[in-house]
N, C-alpha and C. Protein backbone atom coordinates (compact mmCIF):
# COMPACT_ATOMS: atom_id res chain seq x y z
N UNK A 1 55.96 84.86 101.74
CA UNK A 1 54.65 84.56 101.23
C UNK A 1 54.78 83.39 100.27
N UNK A 2 53.94 82.41 100.41
CA UNK A 2 53.95 81.24 99.54
C UNK A 2 53.20 81.53 98.26
N UNK A 3 53.73 81.02 97.16
CA UNK A 3 53.05 81.17 95.87
C UNK A 3 52.13 79.99 95.68
N UNK A 4 50.96 80.25 95.18
CA UNK A 4 49.99 79.19 94.89
C UNK A 4 50.09 78.83 93.43
N UNK A 5 49.86 77.57 93.12
CA UNK A 5 49.90 77.10 91.74
C UNK A 5 48.84 77.80 90.89
N UNK A 6 47.71 78.13 91.50
CA UNK A 6 46.62 78.74 90.74
C UNK A 6 46.52 80.24 90.97
N UNK A 7 47.63 80.89 91.31
CA UNK A 7 47.55 82.31 91.65
C UNK A 7 47.10 83.17 90.47
N UNK A 8 47.31 82.72 89.23
CA UNK A 8 46.86 83.49 88.09
C UNK A 8 45.34 83.40 87.92
N UNK A 9 44.74 82.35 88.44
CA UNK A 9 43.29 82.18 88.36
C UNK A 9 42.58 82.99 89.42
N UNK A 10 43.22 83.17 90.56
CA UNK A 10 42.60 83.84 91.70
C UNK A 10 43.52 84.92 92.24
N UNK A 11 43.06 86.15 92.33
CA UNK A 11 43.92 87.18 92.91
C UNK A 11 44.17 86.90 94.38
N UNK A 12 45.34 87.30 94.84
CA UNK A 12 45.69 87.14 96.25
C UNK A 12 44.73 87.94 97.12
N UNK A 13 44.36 87.35 98.22
CA UNK A 13 43.55 88.07 99.21
C UNK A 13 44.50 88.74 100.20
N UNK A 14 44.22 89.98 100.50
CA UNK A 14 45.03 90.74 101.44
C UNK A 14 44.11 91.29 102.51
N UNK A 15 44.46 91.03 103.77
CA UNK A 15 43.70 91.53 104.90
C UNK A 15 44.55 92.58 105.62
N UNK A 16 44.00 93.76 105.80
CA UNK A 16 44.68 94.85 106.50
C UNK A 16 43.97 94.99 107.85
N UNK A 17 44.75 94.90 108.93
CA UNK A 17 44.17 94.92 110.28
C UNK A 17 44.37 96.26 110.97
N UNK A 18 43.28 96.77 111.55
CA UNK A 18 43.41 97.94 112.41
C UNK A 18 43.66 97.46 113.83
N UNK A 19 43.69 98.37 114.77
CA UNK A 19 44.00 98.06 116.17
C UNK A 19 43.03 97.04 116.76
N UNK A 20 41.75 97.25 116.57
CA UNK A 20 40.76 96.34 117.16
C UNK A 20 40.86 94.95 116.55
N UNK A 21 41.06 94.87 115.23
CA UNK A 21 41.21 93.57 114.58
C UNK A 21 42.45 92.85 115.09
N UNK A 22 43.55 93.57 115.21
CA UNK A 22 44.78 92.96 115.73
C UNK A 22 44.60 92.55 117.19
N UNK A 23 43.95 93.38 117.98
CA UNK A 23 43.69 93.04 119.39
C UNK A 23 42.84 91.78 119.51
N UNK A 24 41.84 91.66 118.64
CA UNK A 24 41.01 90.46 118.65
C UNK A 24 41.85 89.22 118.33
N UNK A 25 42.73 89.34 117.36
CA UNK A 25 43.59 88.21 117.00
C UNK A 25 44.50 87.82 118.17
N UNK A 26 45.08 88.81 118.81
CA UNK A 26 45.97 88.54 119.95
C UNK A 26 45.20 87.88 121.09
N UNK A 27 43.94 88.27 121.26
CA UNK A 27 43.12 87.68 122.33
C UNK A 27 42.53 86.33 121.93
N UNK A 28 42.79 85.88 120.70
CA UNK A 28 42.37 84.55 120.28
C UNK A 28 40.97 84.47 119.70
N UNK A 29 40.43 85.59 119.22
CA UNK A 29 39.12 85.59 118.60
C UNK A 29 39.11 84.59 117.44
N UNK A 30 38.14 83.69 117.43
CA UNK A 30 38.11 82.61 116.45
C UNK A 30 38.04 83.10 115.01
N UNK A 31 37.24 84.11 114.75
CA UNK A 31 37.12 84.61 113.38
C UNK A 31 38.45 85.21 112.90
N UNK A 32 39.08 86.00 113.76
CA UNK A 32 40.36 86.60 113.36
C UNK A 32 41.44 85.54 113.19
N UNK A 33 41.45 84.55 114.04
CA UNK A 33 42.43 83.47 113.91
C UNK A 33 42.20 82.71 112.61
N UNK A 34 40.96 82.53 112.21
CA UNK A 34 40.67 81.87 110.94
C UNK A 34 41.26 82.66 109.76
N UNK A 35 41.15 83.99 109.81
CA UNK A 35 41.74 84.81 108.75
C UNK A 35 43.26 84.66 108.75
N UNK A 36 43.87 84.64 109.94
CA UNK A 36 45.32 84.48 110.03
C UNK A 36 45.76 83.10 109.54
N UNK A 37 44.94 82.09 109.76
CA UNK A 37 45.26 80.75 109.28
C UNK A 37 45.33 80.71 107.76
N UNK A 38 44.49 81.49 107.08
CA UNK A 38 44.58 81.57 105.62
C UNK A 38 45.96 82.08 105.20
N UNK A 39 46.47 83.03 105.93
CA UNK A 39 47.80 83.56 105.63
C UNK A 39 48.87 82.51 105.88
N UNK A 40 48.73 81.77 106.96
CA UNK A 40 49.71 80.73 107.29
C UNK A 40 49.74 79.64 106.21
N UNK A 41 48.61 79.43 105.54
CA UNK A 41 48.52 78.44 104.47
C UNK A 41 48.89 79.01 103.10
N UNK A 42 49.26 80.29 103.06
CA UNK A 42 49.64 80.92 101.80
C UNK A 42 48.49 81.36 100.94
N UNK A 43 47.28 81.39 101.50
CA UNK A 43 46.10 81.77 100.73
C UNK A 43 45.76 83.25 100.84
N UNK A 44 46.46 83.95 101.69
CA UNK A 44 46.21 85.38 101.89
C UNK A 44 47.45 85.98 102.52
N UNK A 45 47.48 87.29 102.49
CA UNK A 45 48.52 88.02 103.20
C UNK A 45 47.83 88.92 104.22
N UNK A 46 48.39 89.03 105.40
CA UNK A 46 47.83 89.89 106.44
C UNK A 46 48.85 91.00 106.70
N UNK A 47 48.38 92.24 106.67
CA UNK A 47 49.25 93.41 106.76
C UNK A 47 48.71 94.36 107.82
N UNK A 48 49.62 95.04 108.50
CA UNK A 48 49.23 96.11 109.41
C UNK A 48 50.35 97.14 109.43
N UNK A 49 50.15 98.19 110.20
CA UNK A 49 51.17 99.24 110.31
C UNK A 49 51.94 99.09 111.61
N UNK A 50 53.15 99.64 111.66
CA UNK A 50 53.91 99.62 112.92
C UNK A 50 53.15 100.33 114.04
N UNK A 51 52.44 101.39 113.71
CA UNK A 51 51.70 102.13 114.73
C UNK A 51 50.55 101.31 115.30
N UNK A 52 49.97 100.47 114.46
CA UNK A 52 48.88 99.61 114.92
C UNK A 52 49.40 98.62 115.95
N UNK A 53 50.62 98.11 115.75
CA UNK A 53 51.21 97.21 116.74
C UNK A 53 51.33 97.90 118.09
N UNK A 54 51.77 99.13 118.07
CA UNK A 54 51.93 99.88 119.32
C UNK A 54 50.56 100.16 119.94
N UNK A 55 49.61 100.59 119.11
CA UNK A 55 48.27 100.92 119.60
C UNK A 55 47.58 99.70 120.21
N UNK A 56 47.79 98.52 119.62
CA UNK A 56 47.10 97.30 120.06
C UNK A 56 47.78 96.63 121.25
N UNK A 57 48.95 97.09 121.63
CA UNK A 57 49.68 96.44 122.73
C UNK A 57 48.86 96.42 124.00
N UNK A 58 48.84 95.27 124.63
CA UNK A 58 48.16 95.08 125.91
C UNK A 58 49.13 94.33 126.82
N UNK A 59 49.50 94.93 127.91
CA UNK A 59 50.49 94.35 128.81
C UNK A 59 50.11 93.00 129.39
N UNK A 60 48.84 92.62 129.26
CA UNK A 60 48.41 91.32 129.78
C UNK A 60 48.72 90.17 128.82
N UNK A 61 49.10 90.51 127.59
CA UNK A 61 49.36 89.48 126.59
C UNK A 61 50.83 89.07 126.64
N UNK A 62 51.08 87.77 126.55
CA UNK A 62 52.46 87.28 126.64
C UNK A 62 53.24 87.59 125.37
N UNK A 63 54.55 87.66 125.50
CA UNK A 63 55.42 87.86 124.34
C UNK A 63 55.25 86.72 123.35
N UNK A 64 55.08 85.51 123.86
CA UNK A 64 54.91 84.35 122.98
C UNK A 64 53.66 84.51 122.11
N UNK A 65 52.59 85.01 122.68
CA UNK A 65 51.37 85.22 121.93
C UNK A 65 51.57 86.28 120.86
N UNK A 66 52.22 87.39 121.21
CA UNK A 66 52.53 88.43 120.24
C UNK A 66 53.40 87.87 119.12
N UNK A 67 54.42 87.11 119.47
CA UNK A 67 55.32 86.53 118.46
C UNK A 67 54.56 85.63 117.51
N UNK A 68 53.62 84.84 118.03
CA UNK A 68 52.84 83.94 117.18
C UNK A 68 52.00 84.75 116.19
N UNK A 69 51.34 85.78 116.67
CA UNK A 69 50.52 86.63 115.80
C UNK A 69 51.42 87.32 114.77
N UNK A 70 52.53 87.89 115.21
CA UNK A 70 53.42 88.60 114.29
C UNK A 70 54.00 87.68 113.22
N UNK A 71 54.13 86.40 113.53
CA UNK A 71 54.66 85.46 112.54
C UNK A 71 53.67 85.25 111.38
N UNK A 72 52.45 85.67 111.55
CA UNK A 72 51.42 85.47 110.54
C UNK A 72 51.06 86.74 109.78
N UNK A 73 51.78 87.81 110.05
CA UNK A 73 51.46 89.04 109.34
C UNK A 73 52.70 89.79 108.92
N UNK A 74 52.48 90.74 108.04
CA UNK A 74 53.54 91.62 107.55
C UNK A 74 53.30 93.00 108.15
N UNK A 75 54.36 93.60 108.65
CA UNK A 75 54.28 94.98 109.14
C UNK A 75 54.84 95.86 108.02
N UNK A 76 53.98 96.70 107.48
CA UNK A 76 54.36 97.54 106.34
C UNK A 76 55.41 98.57 106.74
N UNK A 77 56.33 98.82 105.82
CA UNK A 77 57.30 99.89 106.01
C UNK A 77 56.61 101.22 105.75
N UNK A 78 56.80 102.15 106.65
CA UNK A 78 56.17 103.46 106.54
C UNK A 78 57.26 104.52 106.62
N UNK A 79 57.22 105.44 105.69
CA UNK A 79 58.19 106.52 105.67
C UNK A 79 57.53 107.84 105.32
N UNK A 80 58.35 108.78 104.87
CA UNK A 80 57.85 110.12 104.54
C UNK A 80 56.80 110.11 103.43
N UNK A 81 57.06 109.30 102.40
CA UNK A 81 56.11 109.27 101.28
C UNK A 81 54.73 108.81 101.74
N UNK A 82 54.70 107.76 102.55
CA UNK A 82 53.42 107.25 103.05
C UNK A 82 52.76 108.26 103.98
N UNK A 83 53.56 108.97 104.76
CA UNK A 83 53.01 110.02 105.64
C UNK A 83 52.37 111.14 104.81
N UNK A 84 53.04 111.51 103.73
CA UNK A 84 52.46 112.53 102.84
C UNK A 84 51.15 112.04 102.23
N UNK A 85 51.15 110.79 101.76
CA UNK A 85 49.92 110.24 101.18
C UNK A 85 48.79 110.22 102.21
N UNK A 86 49.11 109.83 103.44
CA UNK A 86 48.10 109.79 104.50
C UNK A 86 47.56 111.19 104.77
N UNK A 87 48.45 112.15 104.81
CA UNK A 87 48.04 113.54 105.04
C UNK A 87 47.11 114.01 103.94
N UNK A 88 47.42 113.65 102.69
CA UNK A 88 46.57 114.05 101.56
C UNK A 88 45.19 113.38 101.64
N UNK A 89 45.19 112.10 102.03
CA UNK A 89 43.90 111.41 102.18
C UNK A 89 43.03 112.11 103.22
N UNK A 90 43.65 112.48 104.33
CA UNK A 90 42.89 113.18 105.38
C UNK A 90 42.34 114.51 104.86
N UNK A 91 43.18 115.25 104.15
CA UNK A 91 42.74 116.54 103.62
C UNK A 91 41.59 116.34 102.63
N UNK A 92 41.72 115.35 101.74
CA UNK A 92 40.66 115.11 100.75
C UNK A 92 39.35 114.69 101.42
N UNK A 93 39.44 113.98 102.53
CA UNK A 93 38.24 113.53 103.25
C UNK A 93 37.77 114.56 104.27
N UNK A 94 38.48 115.69 104.35
CA UNK A 94 38.19 116.75 105.31
C UNK A 94 38.20 116.24 106.74
N UNK A 95 39.23 115.43 107.03
CA UNK A 95 39.46 114.90 108.38
C UNK A 95 40.81 115.41 108.86
N UNK A 96 41.00 115.44 110.18
CA UNK A 96 42.30 115.81 110.72
C UNK A 96 42.39 115.34 112.16
N UNK A 97 43.59 115.37 112.68
CA UNK A 97 43.81 115.06 114.08
C UNK A 97 44.21 113.62 114.33
N UNK A 98 44.61 113.38 115.58
CA UNK A 98 45.14 112.07 115.95
C UNK A 98 44.10 110.96 115.83
N UNK A 99 42.83 111.29 115.93
CA UNK A 99 41.77 110.28 115.84
C UNK A 99 41.82 109.54 114.51
N UNK A 100 42.24 110.22 113.46
CA UNK A 100 42.22 109.65 112.11
C UNK A 100 43.60 109.29 111.58
N UNK A 101 44.65 109.62 112.29
CA UNK A 101 46.02 109.47 111.77
C UNK A 101 46.36 108.02 111.42
N UNK A 102 46.14 107.09 112.33
CA UNK A 102 46.48 105.69 112.07
C UNK A 102 45.55 105.12 111.00
N UNK A 103 44.29 105.52 111.00
CA UNK A 103 43.37 105.09 109.94
C UNK A 103 43.87 105.52 108.57
N UNK A 104 44.38 106.75 108.48
CA UNK A 104 44.89 107.24 107.20
C UNK A 104 46.11 106.44 106.75
N UNK A 105 46.98 106.10 107.67
CA UNK A 105 48.14 105.27 107.32
C UNK A 105 47.68 103.88 106.88
N UNK A 106 46.72 103.30 107.57
CA UNK A 106 46.18 102.00 107.15
C UNK A 106 45.56 102.10 105.75
N UNK A 107 44.90 103.21 105.46
CA UNK A 107 44.32 103.39 104.14
C UNK A 107 45.41 103.43 103.07
N UNK A 108 46.51 104.09 103.35
CA UNK A 108 47.64 104.12 102.41
C UNK A 108 48.17 102.70 102.20
N UNK A 109 48.32 101.96 103.29
CA UNK A 109 48.80 100.57 103.19
C UNK A 109 47.82 99.74 102.36
N UNK A 110 46.53 99.88 102.63
CA UNK A 110 45.52 99.12 101.89
C UNK A 110 45.55 99.46 100.41
N UNK A 111 45.70 100.73 100.09
CA UNK A 111 45.70 101.18 98.70
C UNK A 111 46.88 100.63 97.91
N UNK A 112 48.00 100.35 98.56
CA UNK A 112 49.17 99.88 97.81
C UNK A 112 49.24 98.36 97.68
N UNK A 113 48.26 97.65 98.22
CA UNK A 113 48.23 96.20 98.12
C UNK A 113 47.68 95.78 96.77
N UNK A 114 48.11 94.61 96.31
CA UNK A 114 47.61 94.03 95.07
C UNK A 114 46.66 92.89 95.42
N UNK A 115 45.62 92.72 94.65
CA UNK A 115 44.67 91.63 94.89
C UNK A 115 43.38 92.13 95.50
N UNK A 116 42.67 91.20 96.13
CA UNK A 116 41.40 91.51 96.78
C UNK A 116 41.70 91.97 98.20
N UNK A 117 41.52 93.25 98.46
CA UNK A 117 41.91 93.84 99.74
C UNK A 117 40.67 94.05 100.62
N UNK A 118 40.80 93.59 101.88
CA UNK A 118 39.77 93.81 102.89
C UNK A 118 40.44 94.44 104.11
N UNK A 119 39.87 95.53 104.58
CA UNK A 119 40.35 96.17 105.81
C UNK A 119 39.40 95.75 106.92
N UNK A 120 39.96 95.14 107.97
CA UNK A 120 39.18 94.77 109.15
C UNK A 120 39.37 95.88 110.18
N UNK A 121 38.25 96.49 110.58
CA UNK A 121 38.33 97.68 111.42
C UNK A 121 37.10 97.84 112.31
N UNK A 122 37.29 98.56 113.39
CA UNK A 122 36.15 98.98 114.21
C UNK A 122 35.65 100.35 113.75
N UNK A 123 36.43 101.02 112.87
CA UNK A 123 36.09 102.37 112.39
C UNK A 123 35.65 102.32 110.92
N UNK A 124 34.58 101.62 110.64
CA UNK A 124 34.12 101.44 109.26
C UNK A 124 33.89 102.78 108.57
N UNK A 125 33.16 103.67 109.20
CA UNK A 125 32.83 104.96 108.57
C UNK A 125 34.08 105.74 108.19
N UNK A 126 35.06 105.77 109.09
CA UNK A 126 36.30 106.51 108.82
C UNK A 126 37.07 105.88 107.66
N UNK A 127 37.26 104.58 107.71
CA UNK A 127 38.04 103.91 106.67
C UNK A 127 37.36 103.97 105.32
N UNK A 128 36.04 103.87 105.28
CA UNK A 128 35.33 103.96 104.00
C UNK A 128 35.54 105.32 103.33
N UNK A 129 35.77 106.34 104.12
CA UNK A 129 36.03 107.68 103.57
C UNK A 129 37.44 107.79 103.00
N UNK A 130 38.33 106.86 103.40
CA UNK A 130 39.74 106.98 103.05
C UNK A 130 40.22 105.99 101.99
N UNK A 131 39.39 105.01 101.66
CA UNK A 131 39.80 104.01 100.65
C UNK A 131 38.82 104.02 99.49
N UNK A 132 39.27 103.58 98.31
CA UNK A 132 38.36 103.51 97.17
C UNK A 132 37.35 102.37 97.34
N UNK A 133 36.29 102.40 96.55
CA UNK A 133 35.24 101.39 96.63
C UNK A 133 35.74 99.98 96.33
N UNK A 134 36.86 99.86 95.65
CA UNK A 134 37.40 98.53 95.31
C UNK A 134 37.94 97.79 96.54
N UNK A 135 38.15 98.51 97.64
CA UNK A 135 38.63 97.91 98.88
C UNK A 135 37.44 97.69 99.81
N UNK A 136 37.30 96.46 100.29
CA UNK A 136 36.21 96.11 101.20
C UNK A 136 36.60 96.53 102.62
N UNK A 137 35.68 97.17 103.32
CA UNK A 137 35.89 97.54 104.71
C UNK A 137 34.91 96.73 105.54
N UNK A 138 35.45 95.90 106.43
CA UNK A 138 34.62 94.97 107.20
C UNK A 138 34.72 95.30 108.69
N UNK A 139 33.56 95.37 109.33
CA UNK A 139 33.48 95.68 110.77
C UNK A 139 33.91 94.47 111.59
N UNK A 140 34.71 94.74 112.62
CA UNK A 140 35.07 93.70 113.61
C UNK A 140 34.47 94.06 114.93
């Protein structure tokens, strides 16, 4: 991640991508590519989970395209502690099951970021239940 000269004046922007947001980027969606370009210029960081990479995989996409997208984002390390946190988030939101599992992990990832955090998702209602109001949830 590149440091900006004015980073003390402006908090870092962090974009957390769910499966649909990542899929849009891989397919070349202009809006998602614009967000990734901010990261390439050092103006933001783009983060996702390892599970999101697996969920977003589409056999029609070339390895070169995946490599290009992956070069512009960070894949968060996930372990037991993050799994416990995700489980607690689900319990607190009275959610359960595989439908919410990756969303809960993304919420944990979003919560541990510093700066202005935006989660790009197709599941706005679910993610809004799992993150604090300080995190922006944006529909893709």
